[in-house]
């Protein structure tokens, strides 16, 4: 017996690659899994844990979303895209799903209001 997903789940759930850059001139990439309102992922120095608000299923594209992610370093001396070292960062993001496999987002790290981040997301696999 299979469980039918809601329209909003079908919009976002799956494995996503991400490319990001900050106004500090530092860029990076990583992967995230979005499933049932939760985000998990990471890159070469940080792992990510967070949540997202599912987009409105009545208006799928473009569809606005919000997320809150904590990026935690797992390597000694890890530098963030904001040029901070060995520091966990909480990001508040707002973004748009342009279609079922592409999204963009912008965010500001808590406690560093002069910094910002841009993200491009591509879904590589839908959730099972």
C-alpha atoms as a PDB file:
ATOM      1  CA  UNK A   1       0.000   0.000   0.000  1.00  0.00           C
ATOM      2  CA  UNK A   2       1.532   3.330  -1.005  1.00  0.00           C
ATOM      3  CA  UNK A   3       0.898   6.599   0.791  1.00  0.00           C
ATOM      4  CA  UNK A   4      -0.064   9.500  -1.435  1.00  0.00           C
ATOM      5  CA  UNK A   5       2.062  12.598  -0.986  1.00  0.00           C
ATOM      6  CA  UNK A   6       0.532  16.033  -0.776  1.00  0.00           C
ATOM      7  CA  UNK A   7       1.145  18.436  -3.625  1.00  0.00           C
ATOM      8  CA  UNK A   8       3.518  20.503  -1.490  1.00  0.00           C
ATOM      9  CA  UNK A   9       5.557  17.417  -0.522  1.00  0.00           C
ATOM     10  CA  UNK A  10       5.950  16.577  -4.198  1.00  0.00           C
ATOM     11  CA  UNK A  11       7.240  20.119  -4.779  1.00  0.00           C
ATOM     12  CA  UNK A  12      10.174  19.886  -2.395  1.00  0.00           C
ATOM     13  CA  UNK A  13      11.019  16.442  -1.068  1.00  0.00           C
ATOM     14  CA  UNK A  14      14.197  14.829  -2.304  1.00  0.00           C
ATOM     15  CA  UNK A  15      17.953  15.154  -2.647  1.00  0.00           C
ATOM     16  CA  UNK A  16      19.132  18.625  -3.678  1.00  0.00           C
ATOM     17  CA  UNK A  17      22.545  19.954  -4.644  1.00  0.00           C
ATOM     18  CA  UNK A  18      23.213  23.499  -3.518  1.00  0.00           C
ATOM     19  CA  UNK A  19      25.626  26.197  -4.648  1.00  0.00           C
ATOM     20  CA  UNK A  20      25.984  29.248  -2.427  1.00  0.00           C
ATOM     21  CA  UNK A  21      27.958  32.422  -2.013  1.00  0.00           C
ATOM     22  CA  UNK A  22      28.133  35.279   0.438  1.00  0.00           C
ATOM     23  CA  UNK A  23      28.815  38.974   0.145  1.00  0.00           C
ATOM     24  CA  UNK A  24      32.184  38.193   1.808  1.00  0.00           C
ATOM     25  CA  UNK A  25      33.208  36.780  -1.592  1.00  0.00           C
ATOM     26  CA  UNK A  26      33.334  33.148  -0.424  1.00  0.00           C
ATOM     27  CA  UNK A  27      31.514  30.389  -2.331  1.00  0.00           C
ATOM     28  CA  UNK A  28      30.685  26.765  -1.627  1.00  0.00           C
ATOM     29  CA  UNK A  29      28.531  23.789  -2.508  1.00  0.00           C
ATOM     30  CA  UNK A  30      26.897  20.882  -0.758  1.00  0.00           C
ATOM     31  CA  UNK A  31      23.881  18.610  -0.608  1.00  0.00           C
ATOM     32  CA  UNK A  32      20.652  18.637   1.365  1.00  0.00           C
ATOM     33  CA  UNK A  33      17.741  16.262   1.787  1.00  0.00           C
ATOM     34  CA  UNK A  34      14.343  17.871   2.253  1.00  0.00           C
ATOM     35  CA  UNK A  35      11.664  15.627   3.690  1.00  0.00           C
ATOM     36  CA  UNK A  36       8.519  16.212   5.754  1.00  0.00           C
ATOM     37  CA  UNK A  37       9.493  19.716   6.836  1.00  0.00           C
ATOM     38  CA  UNK A  38      13.080  18.813   7.780  1.00  0.00           C
ATOM     39  CA  UNK A  39      16.408  19.611   6.107  1.00  0.00           C
ATOM     40  CA  UNK A  40      19.611  17.607   6.601  1.00  0.00           C
ATOM     41  CA  UNK A  41      22.843  17.866   4.664  1.00  0.00           C
ATOM     42  CA  UNK A  42      26.312  19.270   4.551  1.00  0.00           C
ATOM     43  CA  UNK A  43      29.445  20.262   2.685  1.00  0.00           C
ATOM     44  CA  UNK A  44      33.186  19.648   3.122  1.00  0.00           C
ATOM     45  CA  UNK A  45      33.371  21.324   6.574  1.00  0.00           C
ATOM     46  CA  UNK A  46      29.834  21.837   7.910  1.00  0.00           C
ATOM     47  CA  UNK A  47      26.710  19.759   8.437  1.00  0.00           C
ATOM     48  CA  UNK A  48      23.239  21.279   8.240  1.00  0.00           C
ATOM     49  CA  UNK A  49      20.105  20.619  10.253  1.00  0.00           C
ATOM     50  CA  UNK A  50      16.934  22.622   9.839  1.00  0.00           C
ATOM     51  CA  UNK A  51      13.300  22.984   8.974  1.00  0.00           C
ATOM     52  CA  UNK A  52      11.257  24.444   6.141  1.00  0.00           C
ATOM     53  CA  UNK A  53       7.710  25.593   5.637  1.00  0.00           C
ATOM     54  CA  UNK A  54       6.086  23.751   2.791  1.00  0.00           C
ATOM     55  CA  UNK A  55       4.976  25.901  -0.110  1.00  0.00           C
ATOM     56  CA  UNK A  56       1.323  26.556  -0.836  1.00  0.00           C
ATOM     57  CA  UNK A  57       0.051  23.579  -2.884  1.00  0.00           C
ATOM     58  CA  UNK A  58      -2.609  25.773  -4.520  1.00  0.00           C
ATOM     59  CA  UNK A  59       0.056  27.810  -6.306  1.00  0.00           C
ATOM     60  CA  UNK A  60       2.932  25.478  -7.126  1.00  0.00           C
ATOM     61  CA  UNK A  61       5.175  27.585  -9.433  1.00  0.00           C
ATOM     62  CA  UNK A  62       6.669  29.909  -8.612  1.00  0.00           C
ATOM     63  CA  UNK A  63       6.157  28.976  -4.978  1.00  0.00           C
ATOM     64  CA  UNK A  64       7.648  30.802  -2.011  1.00  0.00           C
ATOM     65  CA  UNK A  65       9.195  28.965   0.946  1.00  0.00           C
ATOM     66  CA  UNK A  66      10.986  29.762   4.203  1.00  0.00           C
ATOM     67  CA  UNK A  67      13.662  27.745   5.971  1.00  0.00           C
ATOM     68  CA  UNK A  68      15.762  27.938   9.095  1.00  0.00           C
ATOM     69  CA  UNK A  69      19.046  26.022   9.025  1.00  0.00           C
ATOM     70  CA  UNK A  70      21.849  25.616  11.521  1.00  0.00           C
ATOM     71  CA  UNK A  71      25.250  24.979   9.927  1.00  0.00           C
ATOM     72  CA  UNK A  72      27.656  23.363  12.406  1.00  0.00           C
ATOM     73  CA  UNK A  73      31.386  22.850  11.751  1.00  0.00           C
ATOM     74  CA  UNK A  74      32.738  19.324  12.099  1.00  0.00           C
ATOM     75  CA  UNK A  75      36.381  20.037  11.176  1.00  0.00           C
ATOM     76  CA  UNK A  76      38.802  22.032  13.353  1.00  0.00           C
ATOM     77  CA  UNK A  77      39.530  25.414  11.771  1.00  0.00           C
ATOM     78  CA  UNK A  78      36.491  25.277   9.470  1.00  0.00           C
ATOM     79  CA  UNK A  79      35.869  28.619   7.751  1.00  0.00           C
ATOM     80  CA  UNK A  80      32.324  29.595   6.822  1.00  0.00           C
ATOM     81  CA  UNK A  81      31.306  31.541   3.719  1.00  0.00           C
ATOM     82  CA  UNK A  82      30.974  34.500   6.093  1.00  0.00           C
ATOM     83  CA  UNK A  83      34.687  34.220   7.038  1.00  0.00           C
ATOM     84  CA  UNK A  84      33.931  33.027  10.569  1.00  0.00           C
ATOM     85  CA  UNK A  85      35.874  30.133  12.123  1.00  0.00           C
ATOM     86  CA  UNK A  86      34.703  27.183  14.226  1.00  0.00           C
ATOM     87  CA  UNK A  87      31.302  28.782  14.706  1.00  0.00           C
ATOM     88  CA  UNK A  88      27.794  27.397  14.262  1.00  0.00           C
ATOM     89  CA  UNK A  89      25.635  29.669  12.133  1.00  0.00           C
ATOM     90  CA  UNK A  90      21.857  29.909  12.019  1.00  0.00           C
ATOM     91  CA  UNK A  91      20.467  31.008   8.656  1.00  0.00           C
ATOM     92  CA  UNK A  92      16.978  32.330   8.034  1.00  0.00           C
ATOM     93  CA  UNK A  93      16.181  31.803   4.356  1.00  0.00           C
ATOM     94  CA  UNK A  94      13.460  32.884   1.970  1.00  0.00           C
ATOM     95  CA  UNK A  95      13.266  31.356  -1.447  1.00  0.00           C
ATOM     96  CA  UNK A  96      11.278  30.469  -4.525  1.00  0.00           C
ATOM     97  CA  UNK A  97      10.727  27.136  -6.227  1.00  0.00           C
ATOM     98  CA  UNK A  98      10.879  28.115  -9.900  1.00  0.00           C
ATOM     99  CA  UNK A  99       9.725  24.644 -10.964  1.00  0.00           C
ATOM    100  CA  UNK A 100       9.751  21.162  -9.433  1.00  0.00           C
ATOM    101  CA  UNK A 101      13.537  20.803  -9.684  1.00  0.00           C
ATOM    102  CA  UNK A 102      14.943  24.340  -9.337  1.00  0.00           C
ATOM    103  CA  UNK A 103      14.901  26.881  -6.535  1.00  0.00           C
ATOM    104  CA  UNK A 104      16.756  29.967  -5.379  1.00  0.00           C
ATOM    105  CA  UNK A 105      16.989  31.441  -1.884  1.00  0.00           C
ATOM    106  CA  UNK A 106      18.559  34.311   0.014  1.00  0.00           C
ATOM    107  CA  UNK A 107      19.342  34.534   3.686  1.00  0.00           C
ATOM    108  CA  UNK A 108      20.940  36.386   6.526  1.00  0.00           C
ATOM    109  CA  UNK A 109      22.932  34.712   9.306  1.00  0.00           C
ATOM    110  CA  UNK A 110      21.684  35.472  12.813  1.00  0.00           C
ATOM    111  CA  UNK A 111      24.043  37.794  14.652  1.00  0.00           C
ATOM    112  CA  UNK A 112      25.834  38.924  11.478  1.00  0.00           C
ATOM    113  CA  UNK A 113      23.303  41.336   9.908  1.00  0.00           C
ATOM    114  CA  UNK A 114      25.822  42.874   7.492  1.00  0.00           C
ATOM    115  CA  UNK A 115      26.259  39.491   5.758  1.00  0.00           C
ATOM    116  CA  UNK A 116      23.957  37.750   3.296  1.00  0.00           C
ATOM    117  CA  UNK A 117      23.886  34.536   1.314  1.00  0.00           C
ATOM    118  CA  UNK A 118      22.524  33.511  -2.078  1.00  0.00           C
ATOM    119  CA  UNK A 119      21.708  29.875  -2.873  1.00  0.00           C
ATOM    120  CA  UNK A 120      20.883  27.976  -6.050  1.00  0.00           C
ATOM    121  CA  UNK A 121      19.227  24.581  -5.554  1.00  0.00           C
ATOM    122  CA  UNK A 122      18.755  21.717  -8.025  1.00  0.00           C
ATOM    123  CA  UNK A 123      16.775  18.594  -7.148  1.00  0.00           C
ATOM    124  CA  UNK A 124      18.683  15.505  -8.234  1.00  0.00           C
ATOM    125  CA  UNK A 125      16.300  12.851  -6.919  1.00  0.00           C
ATOM    126  CA  UNK A 126      12.761  12.822  -5.604  1.00  0.00           C
ATOM    127  CA  UNK A 127      12.100  11.240  -2.214  1.00  0.00           C
ATOM    128  CA  UNK A 128      10.938   7.642  -2.220  1.00  0.00           C
END
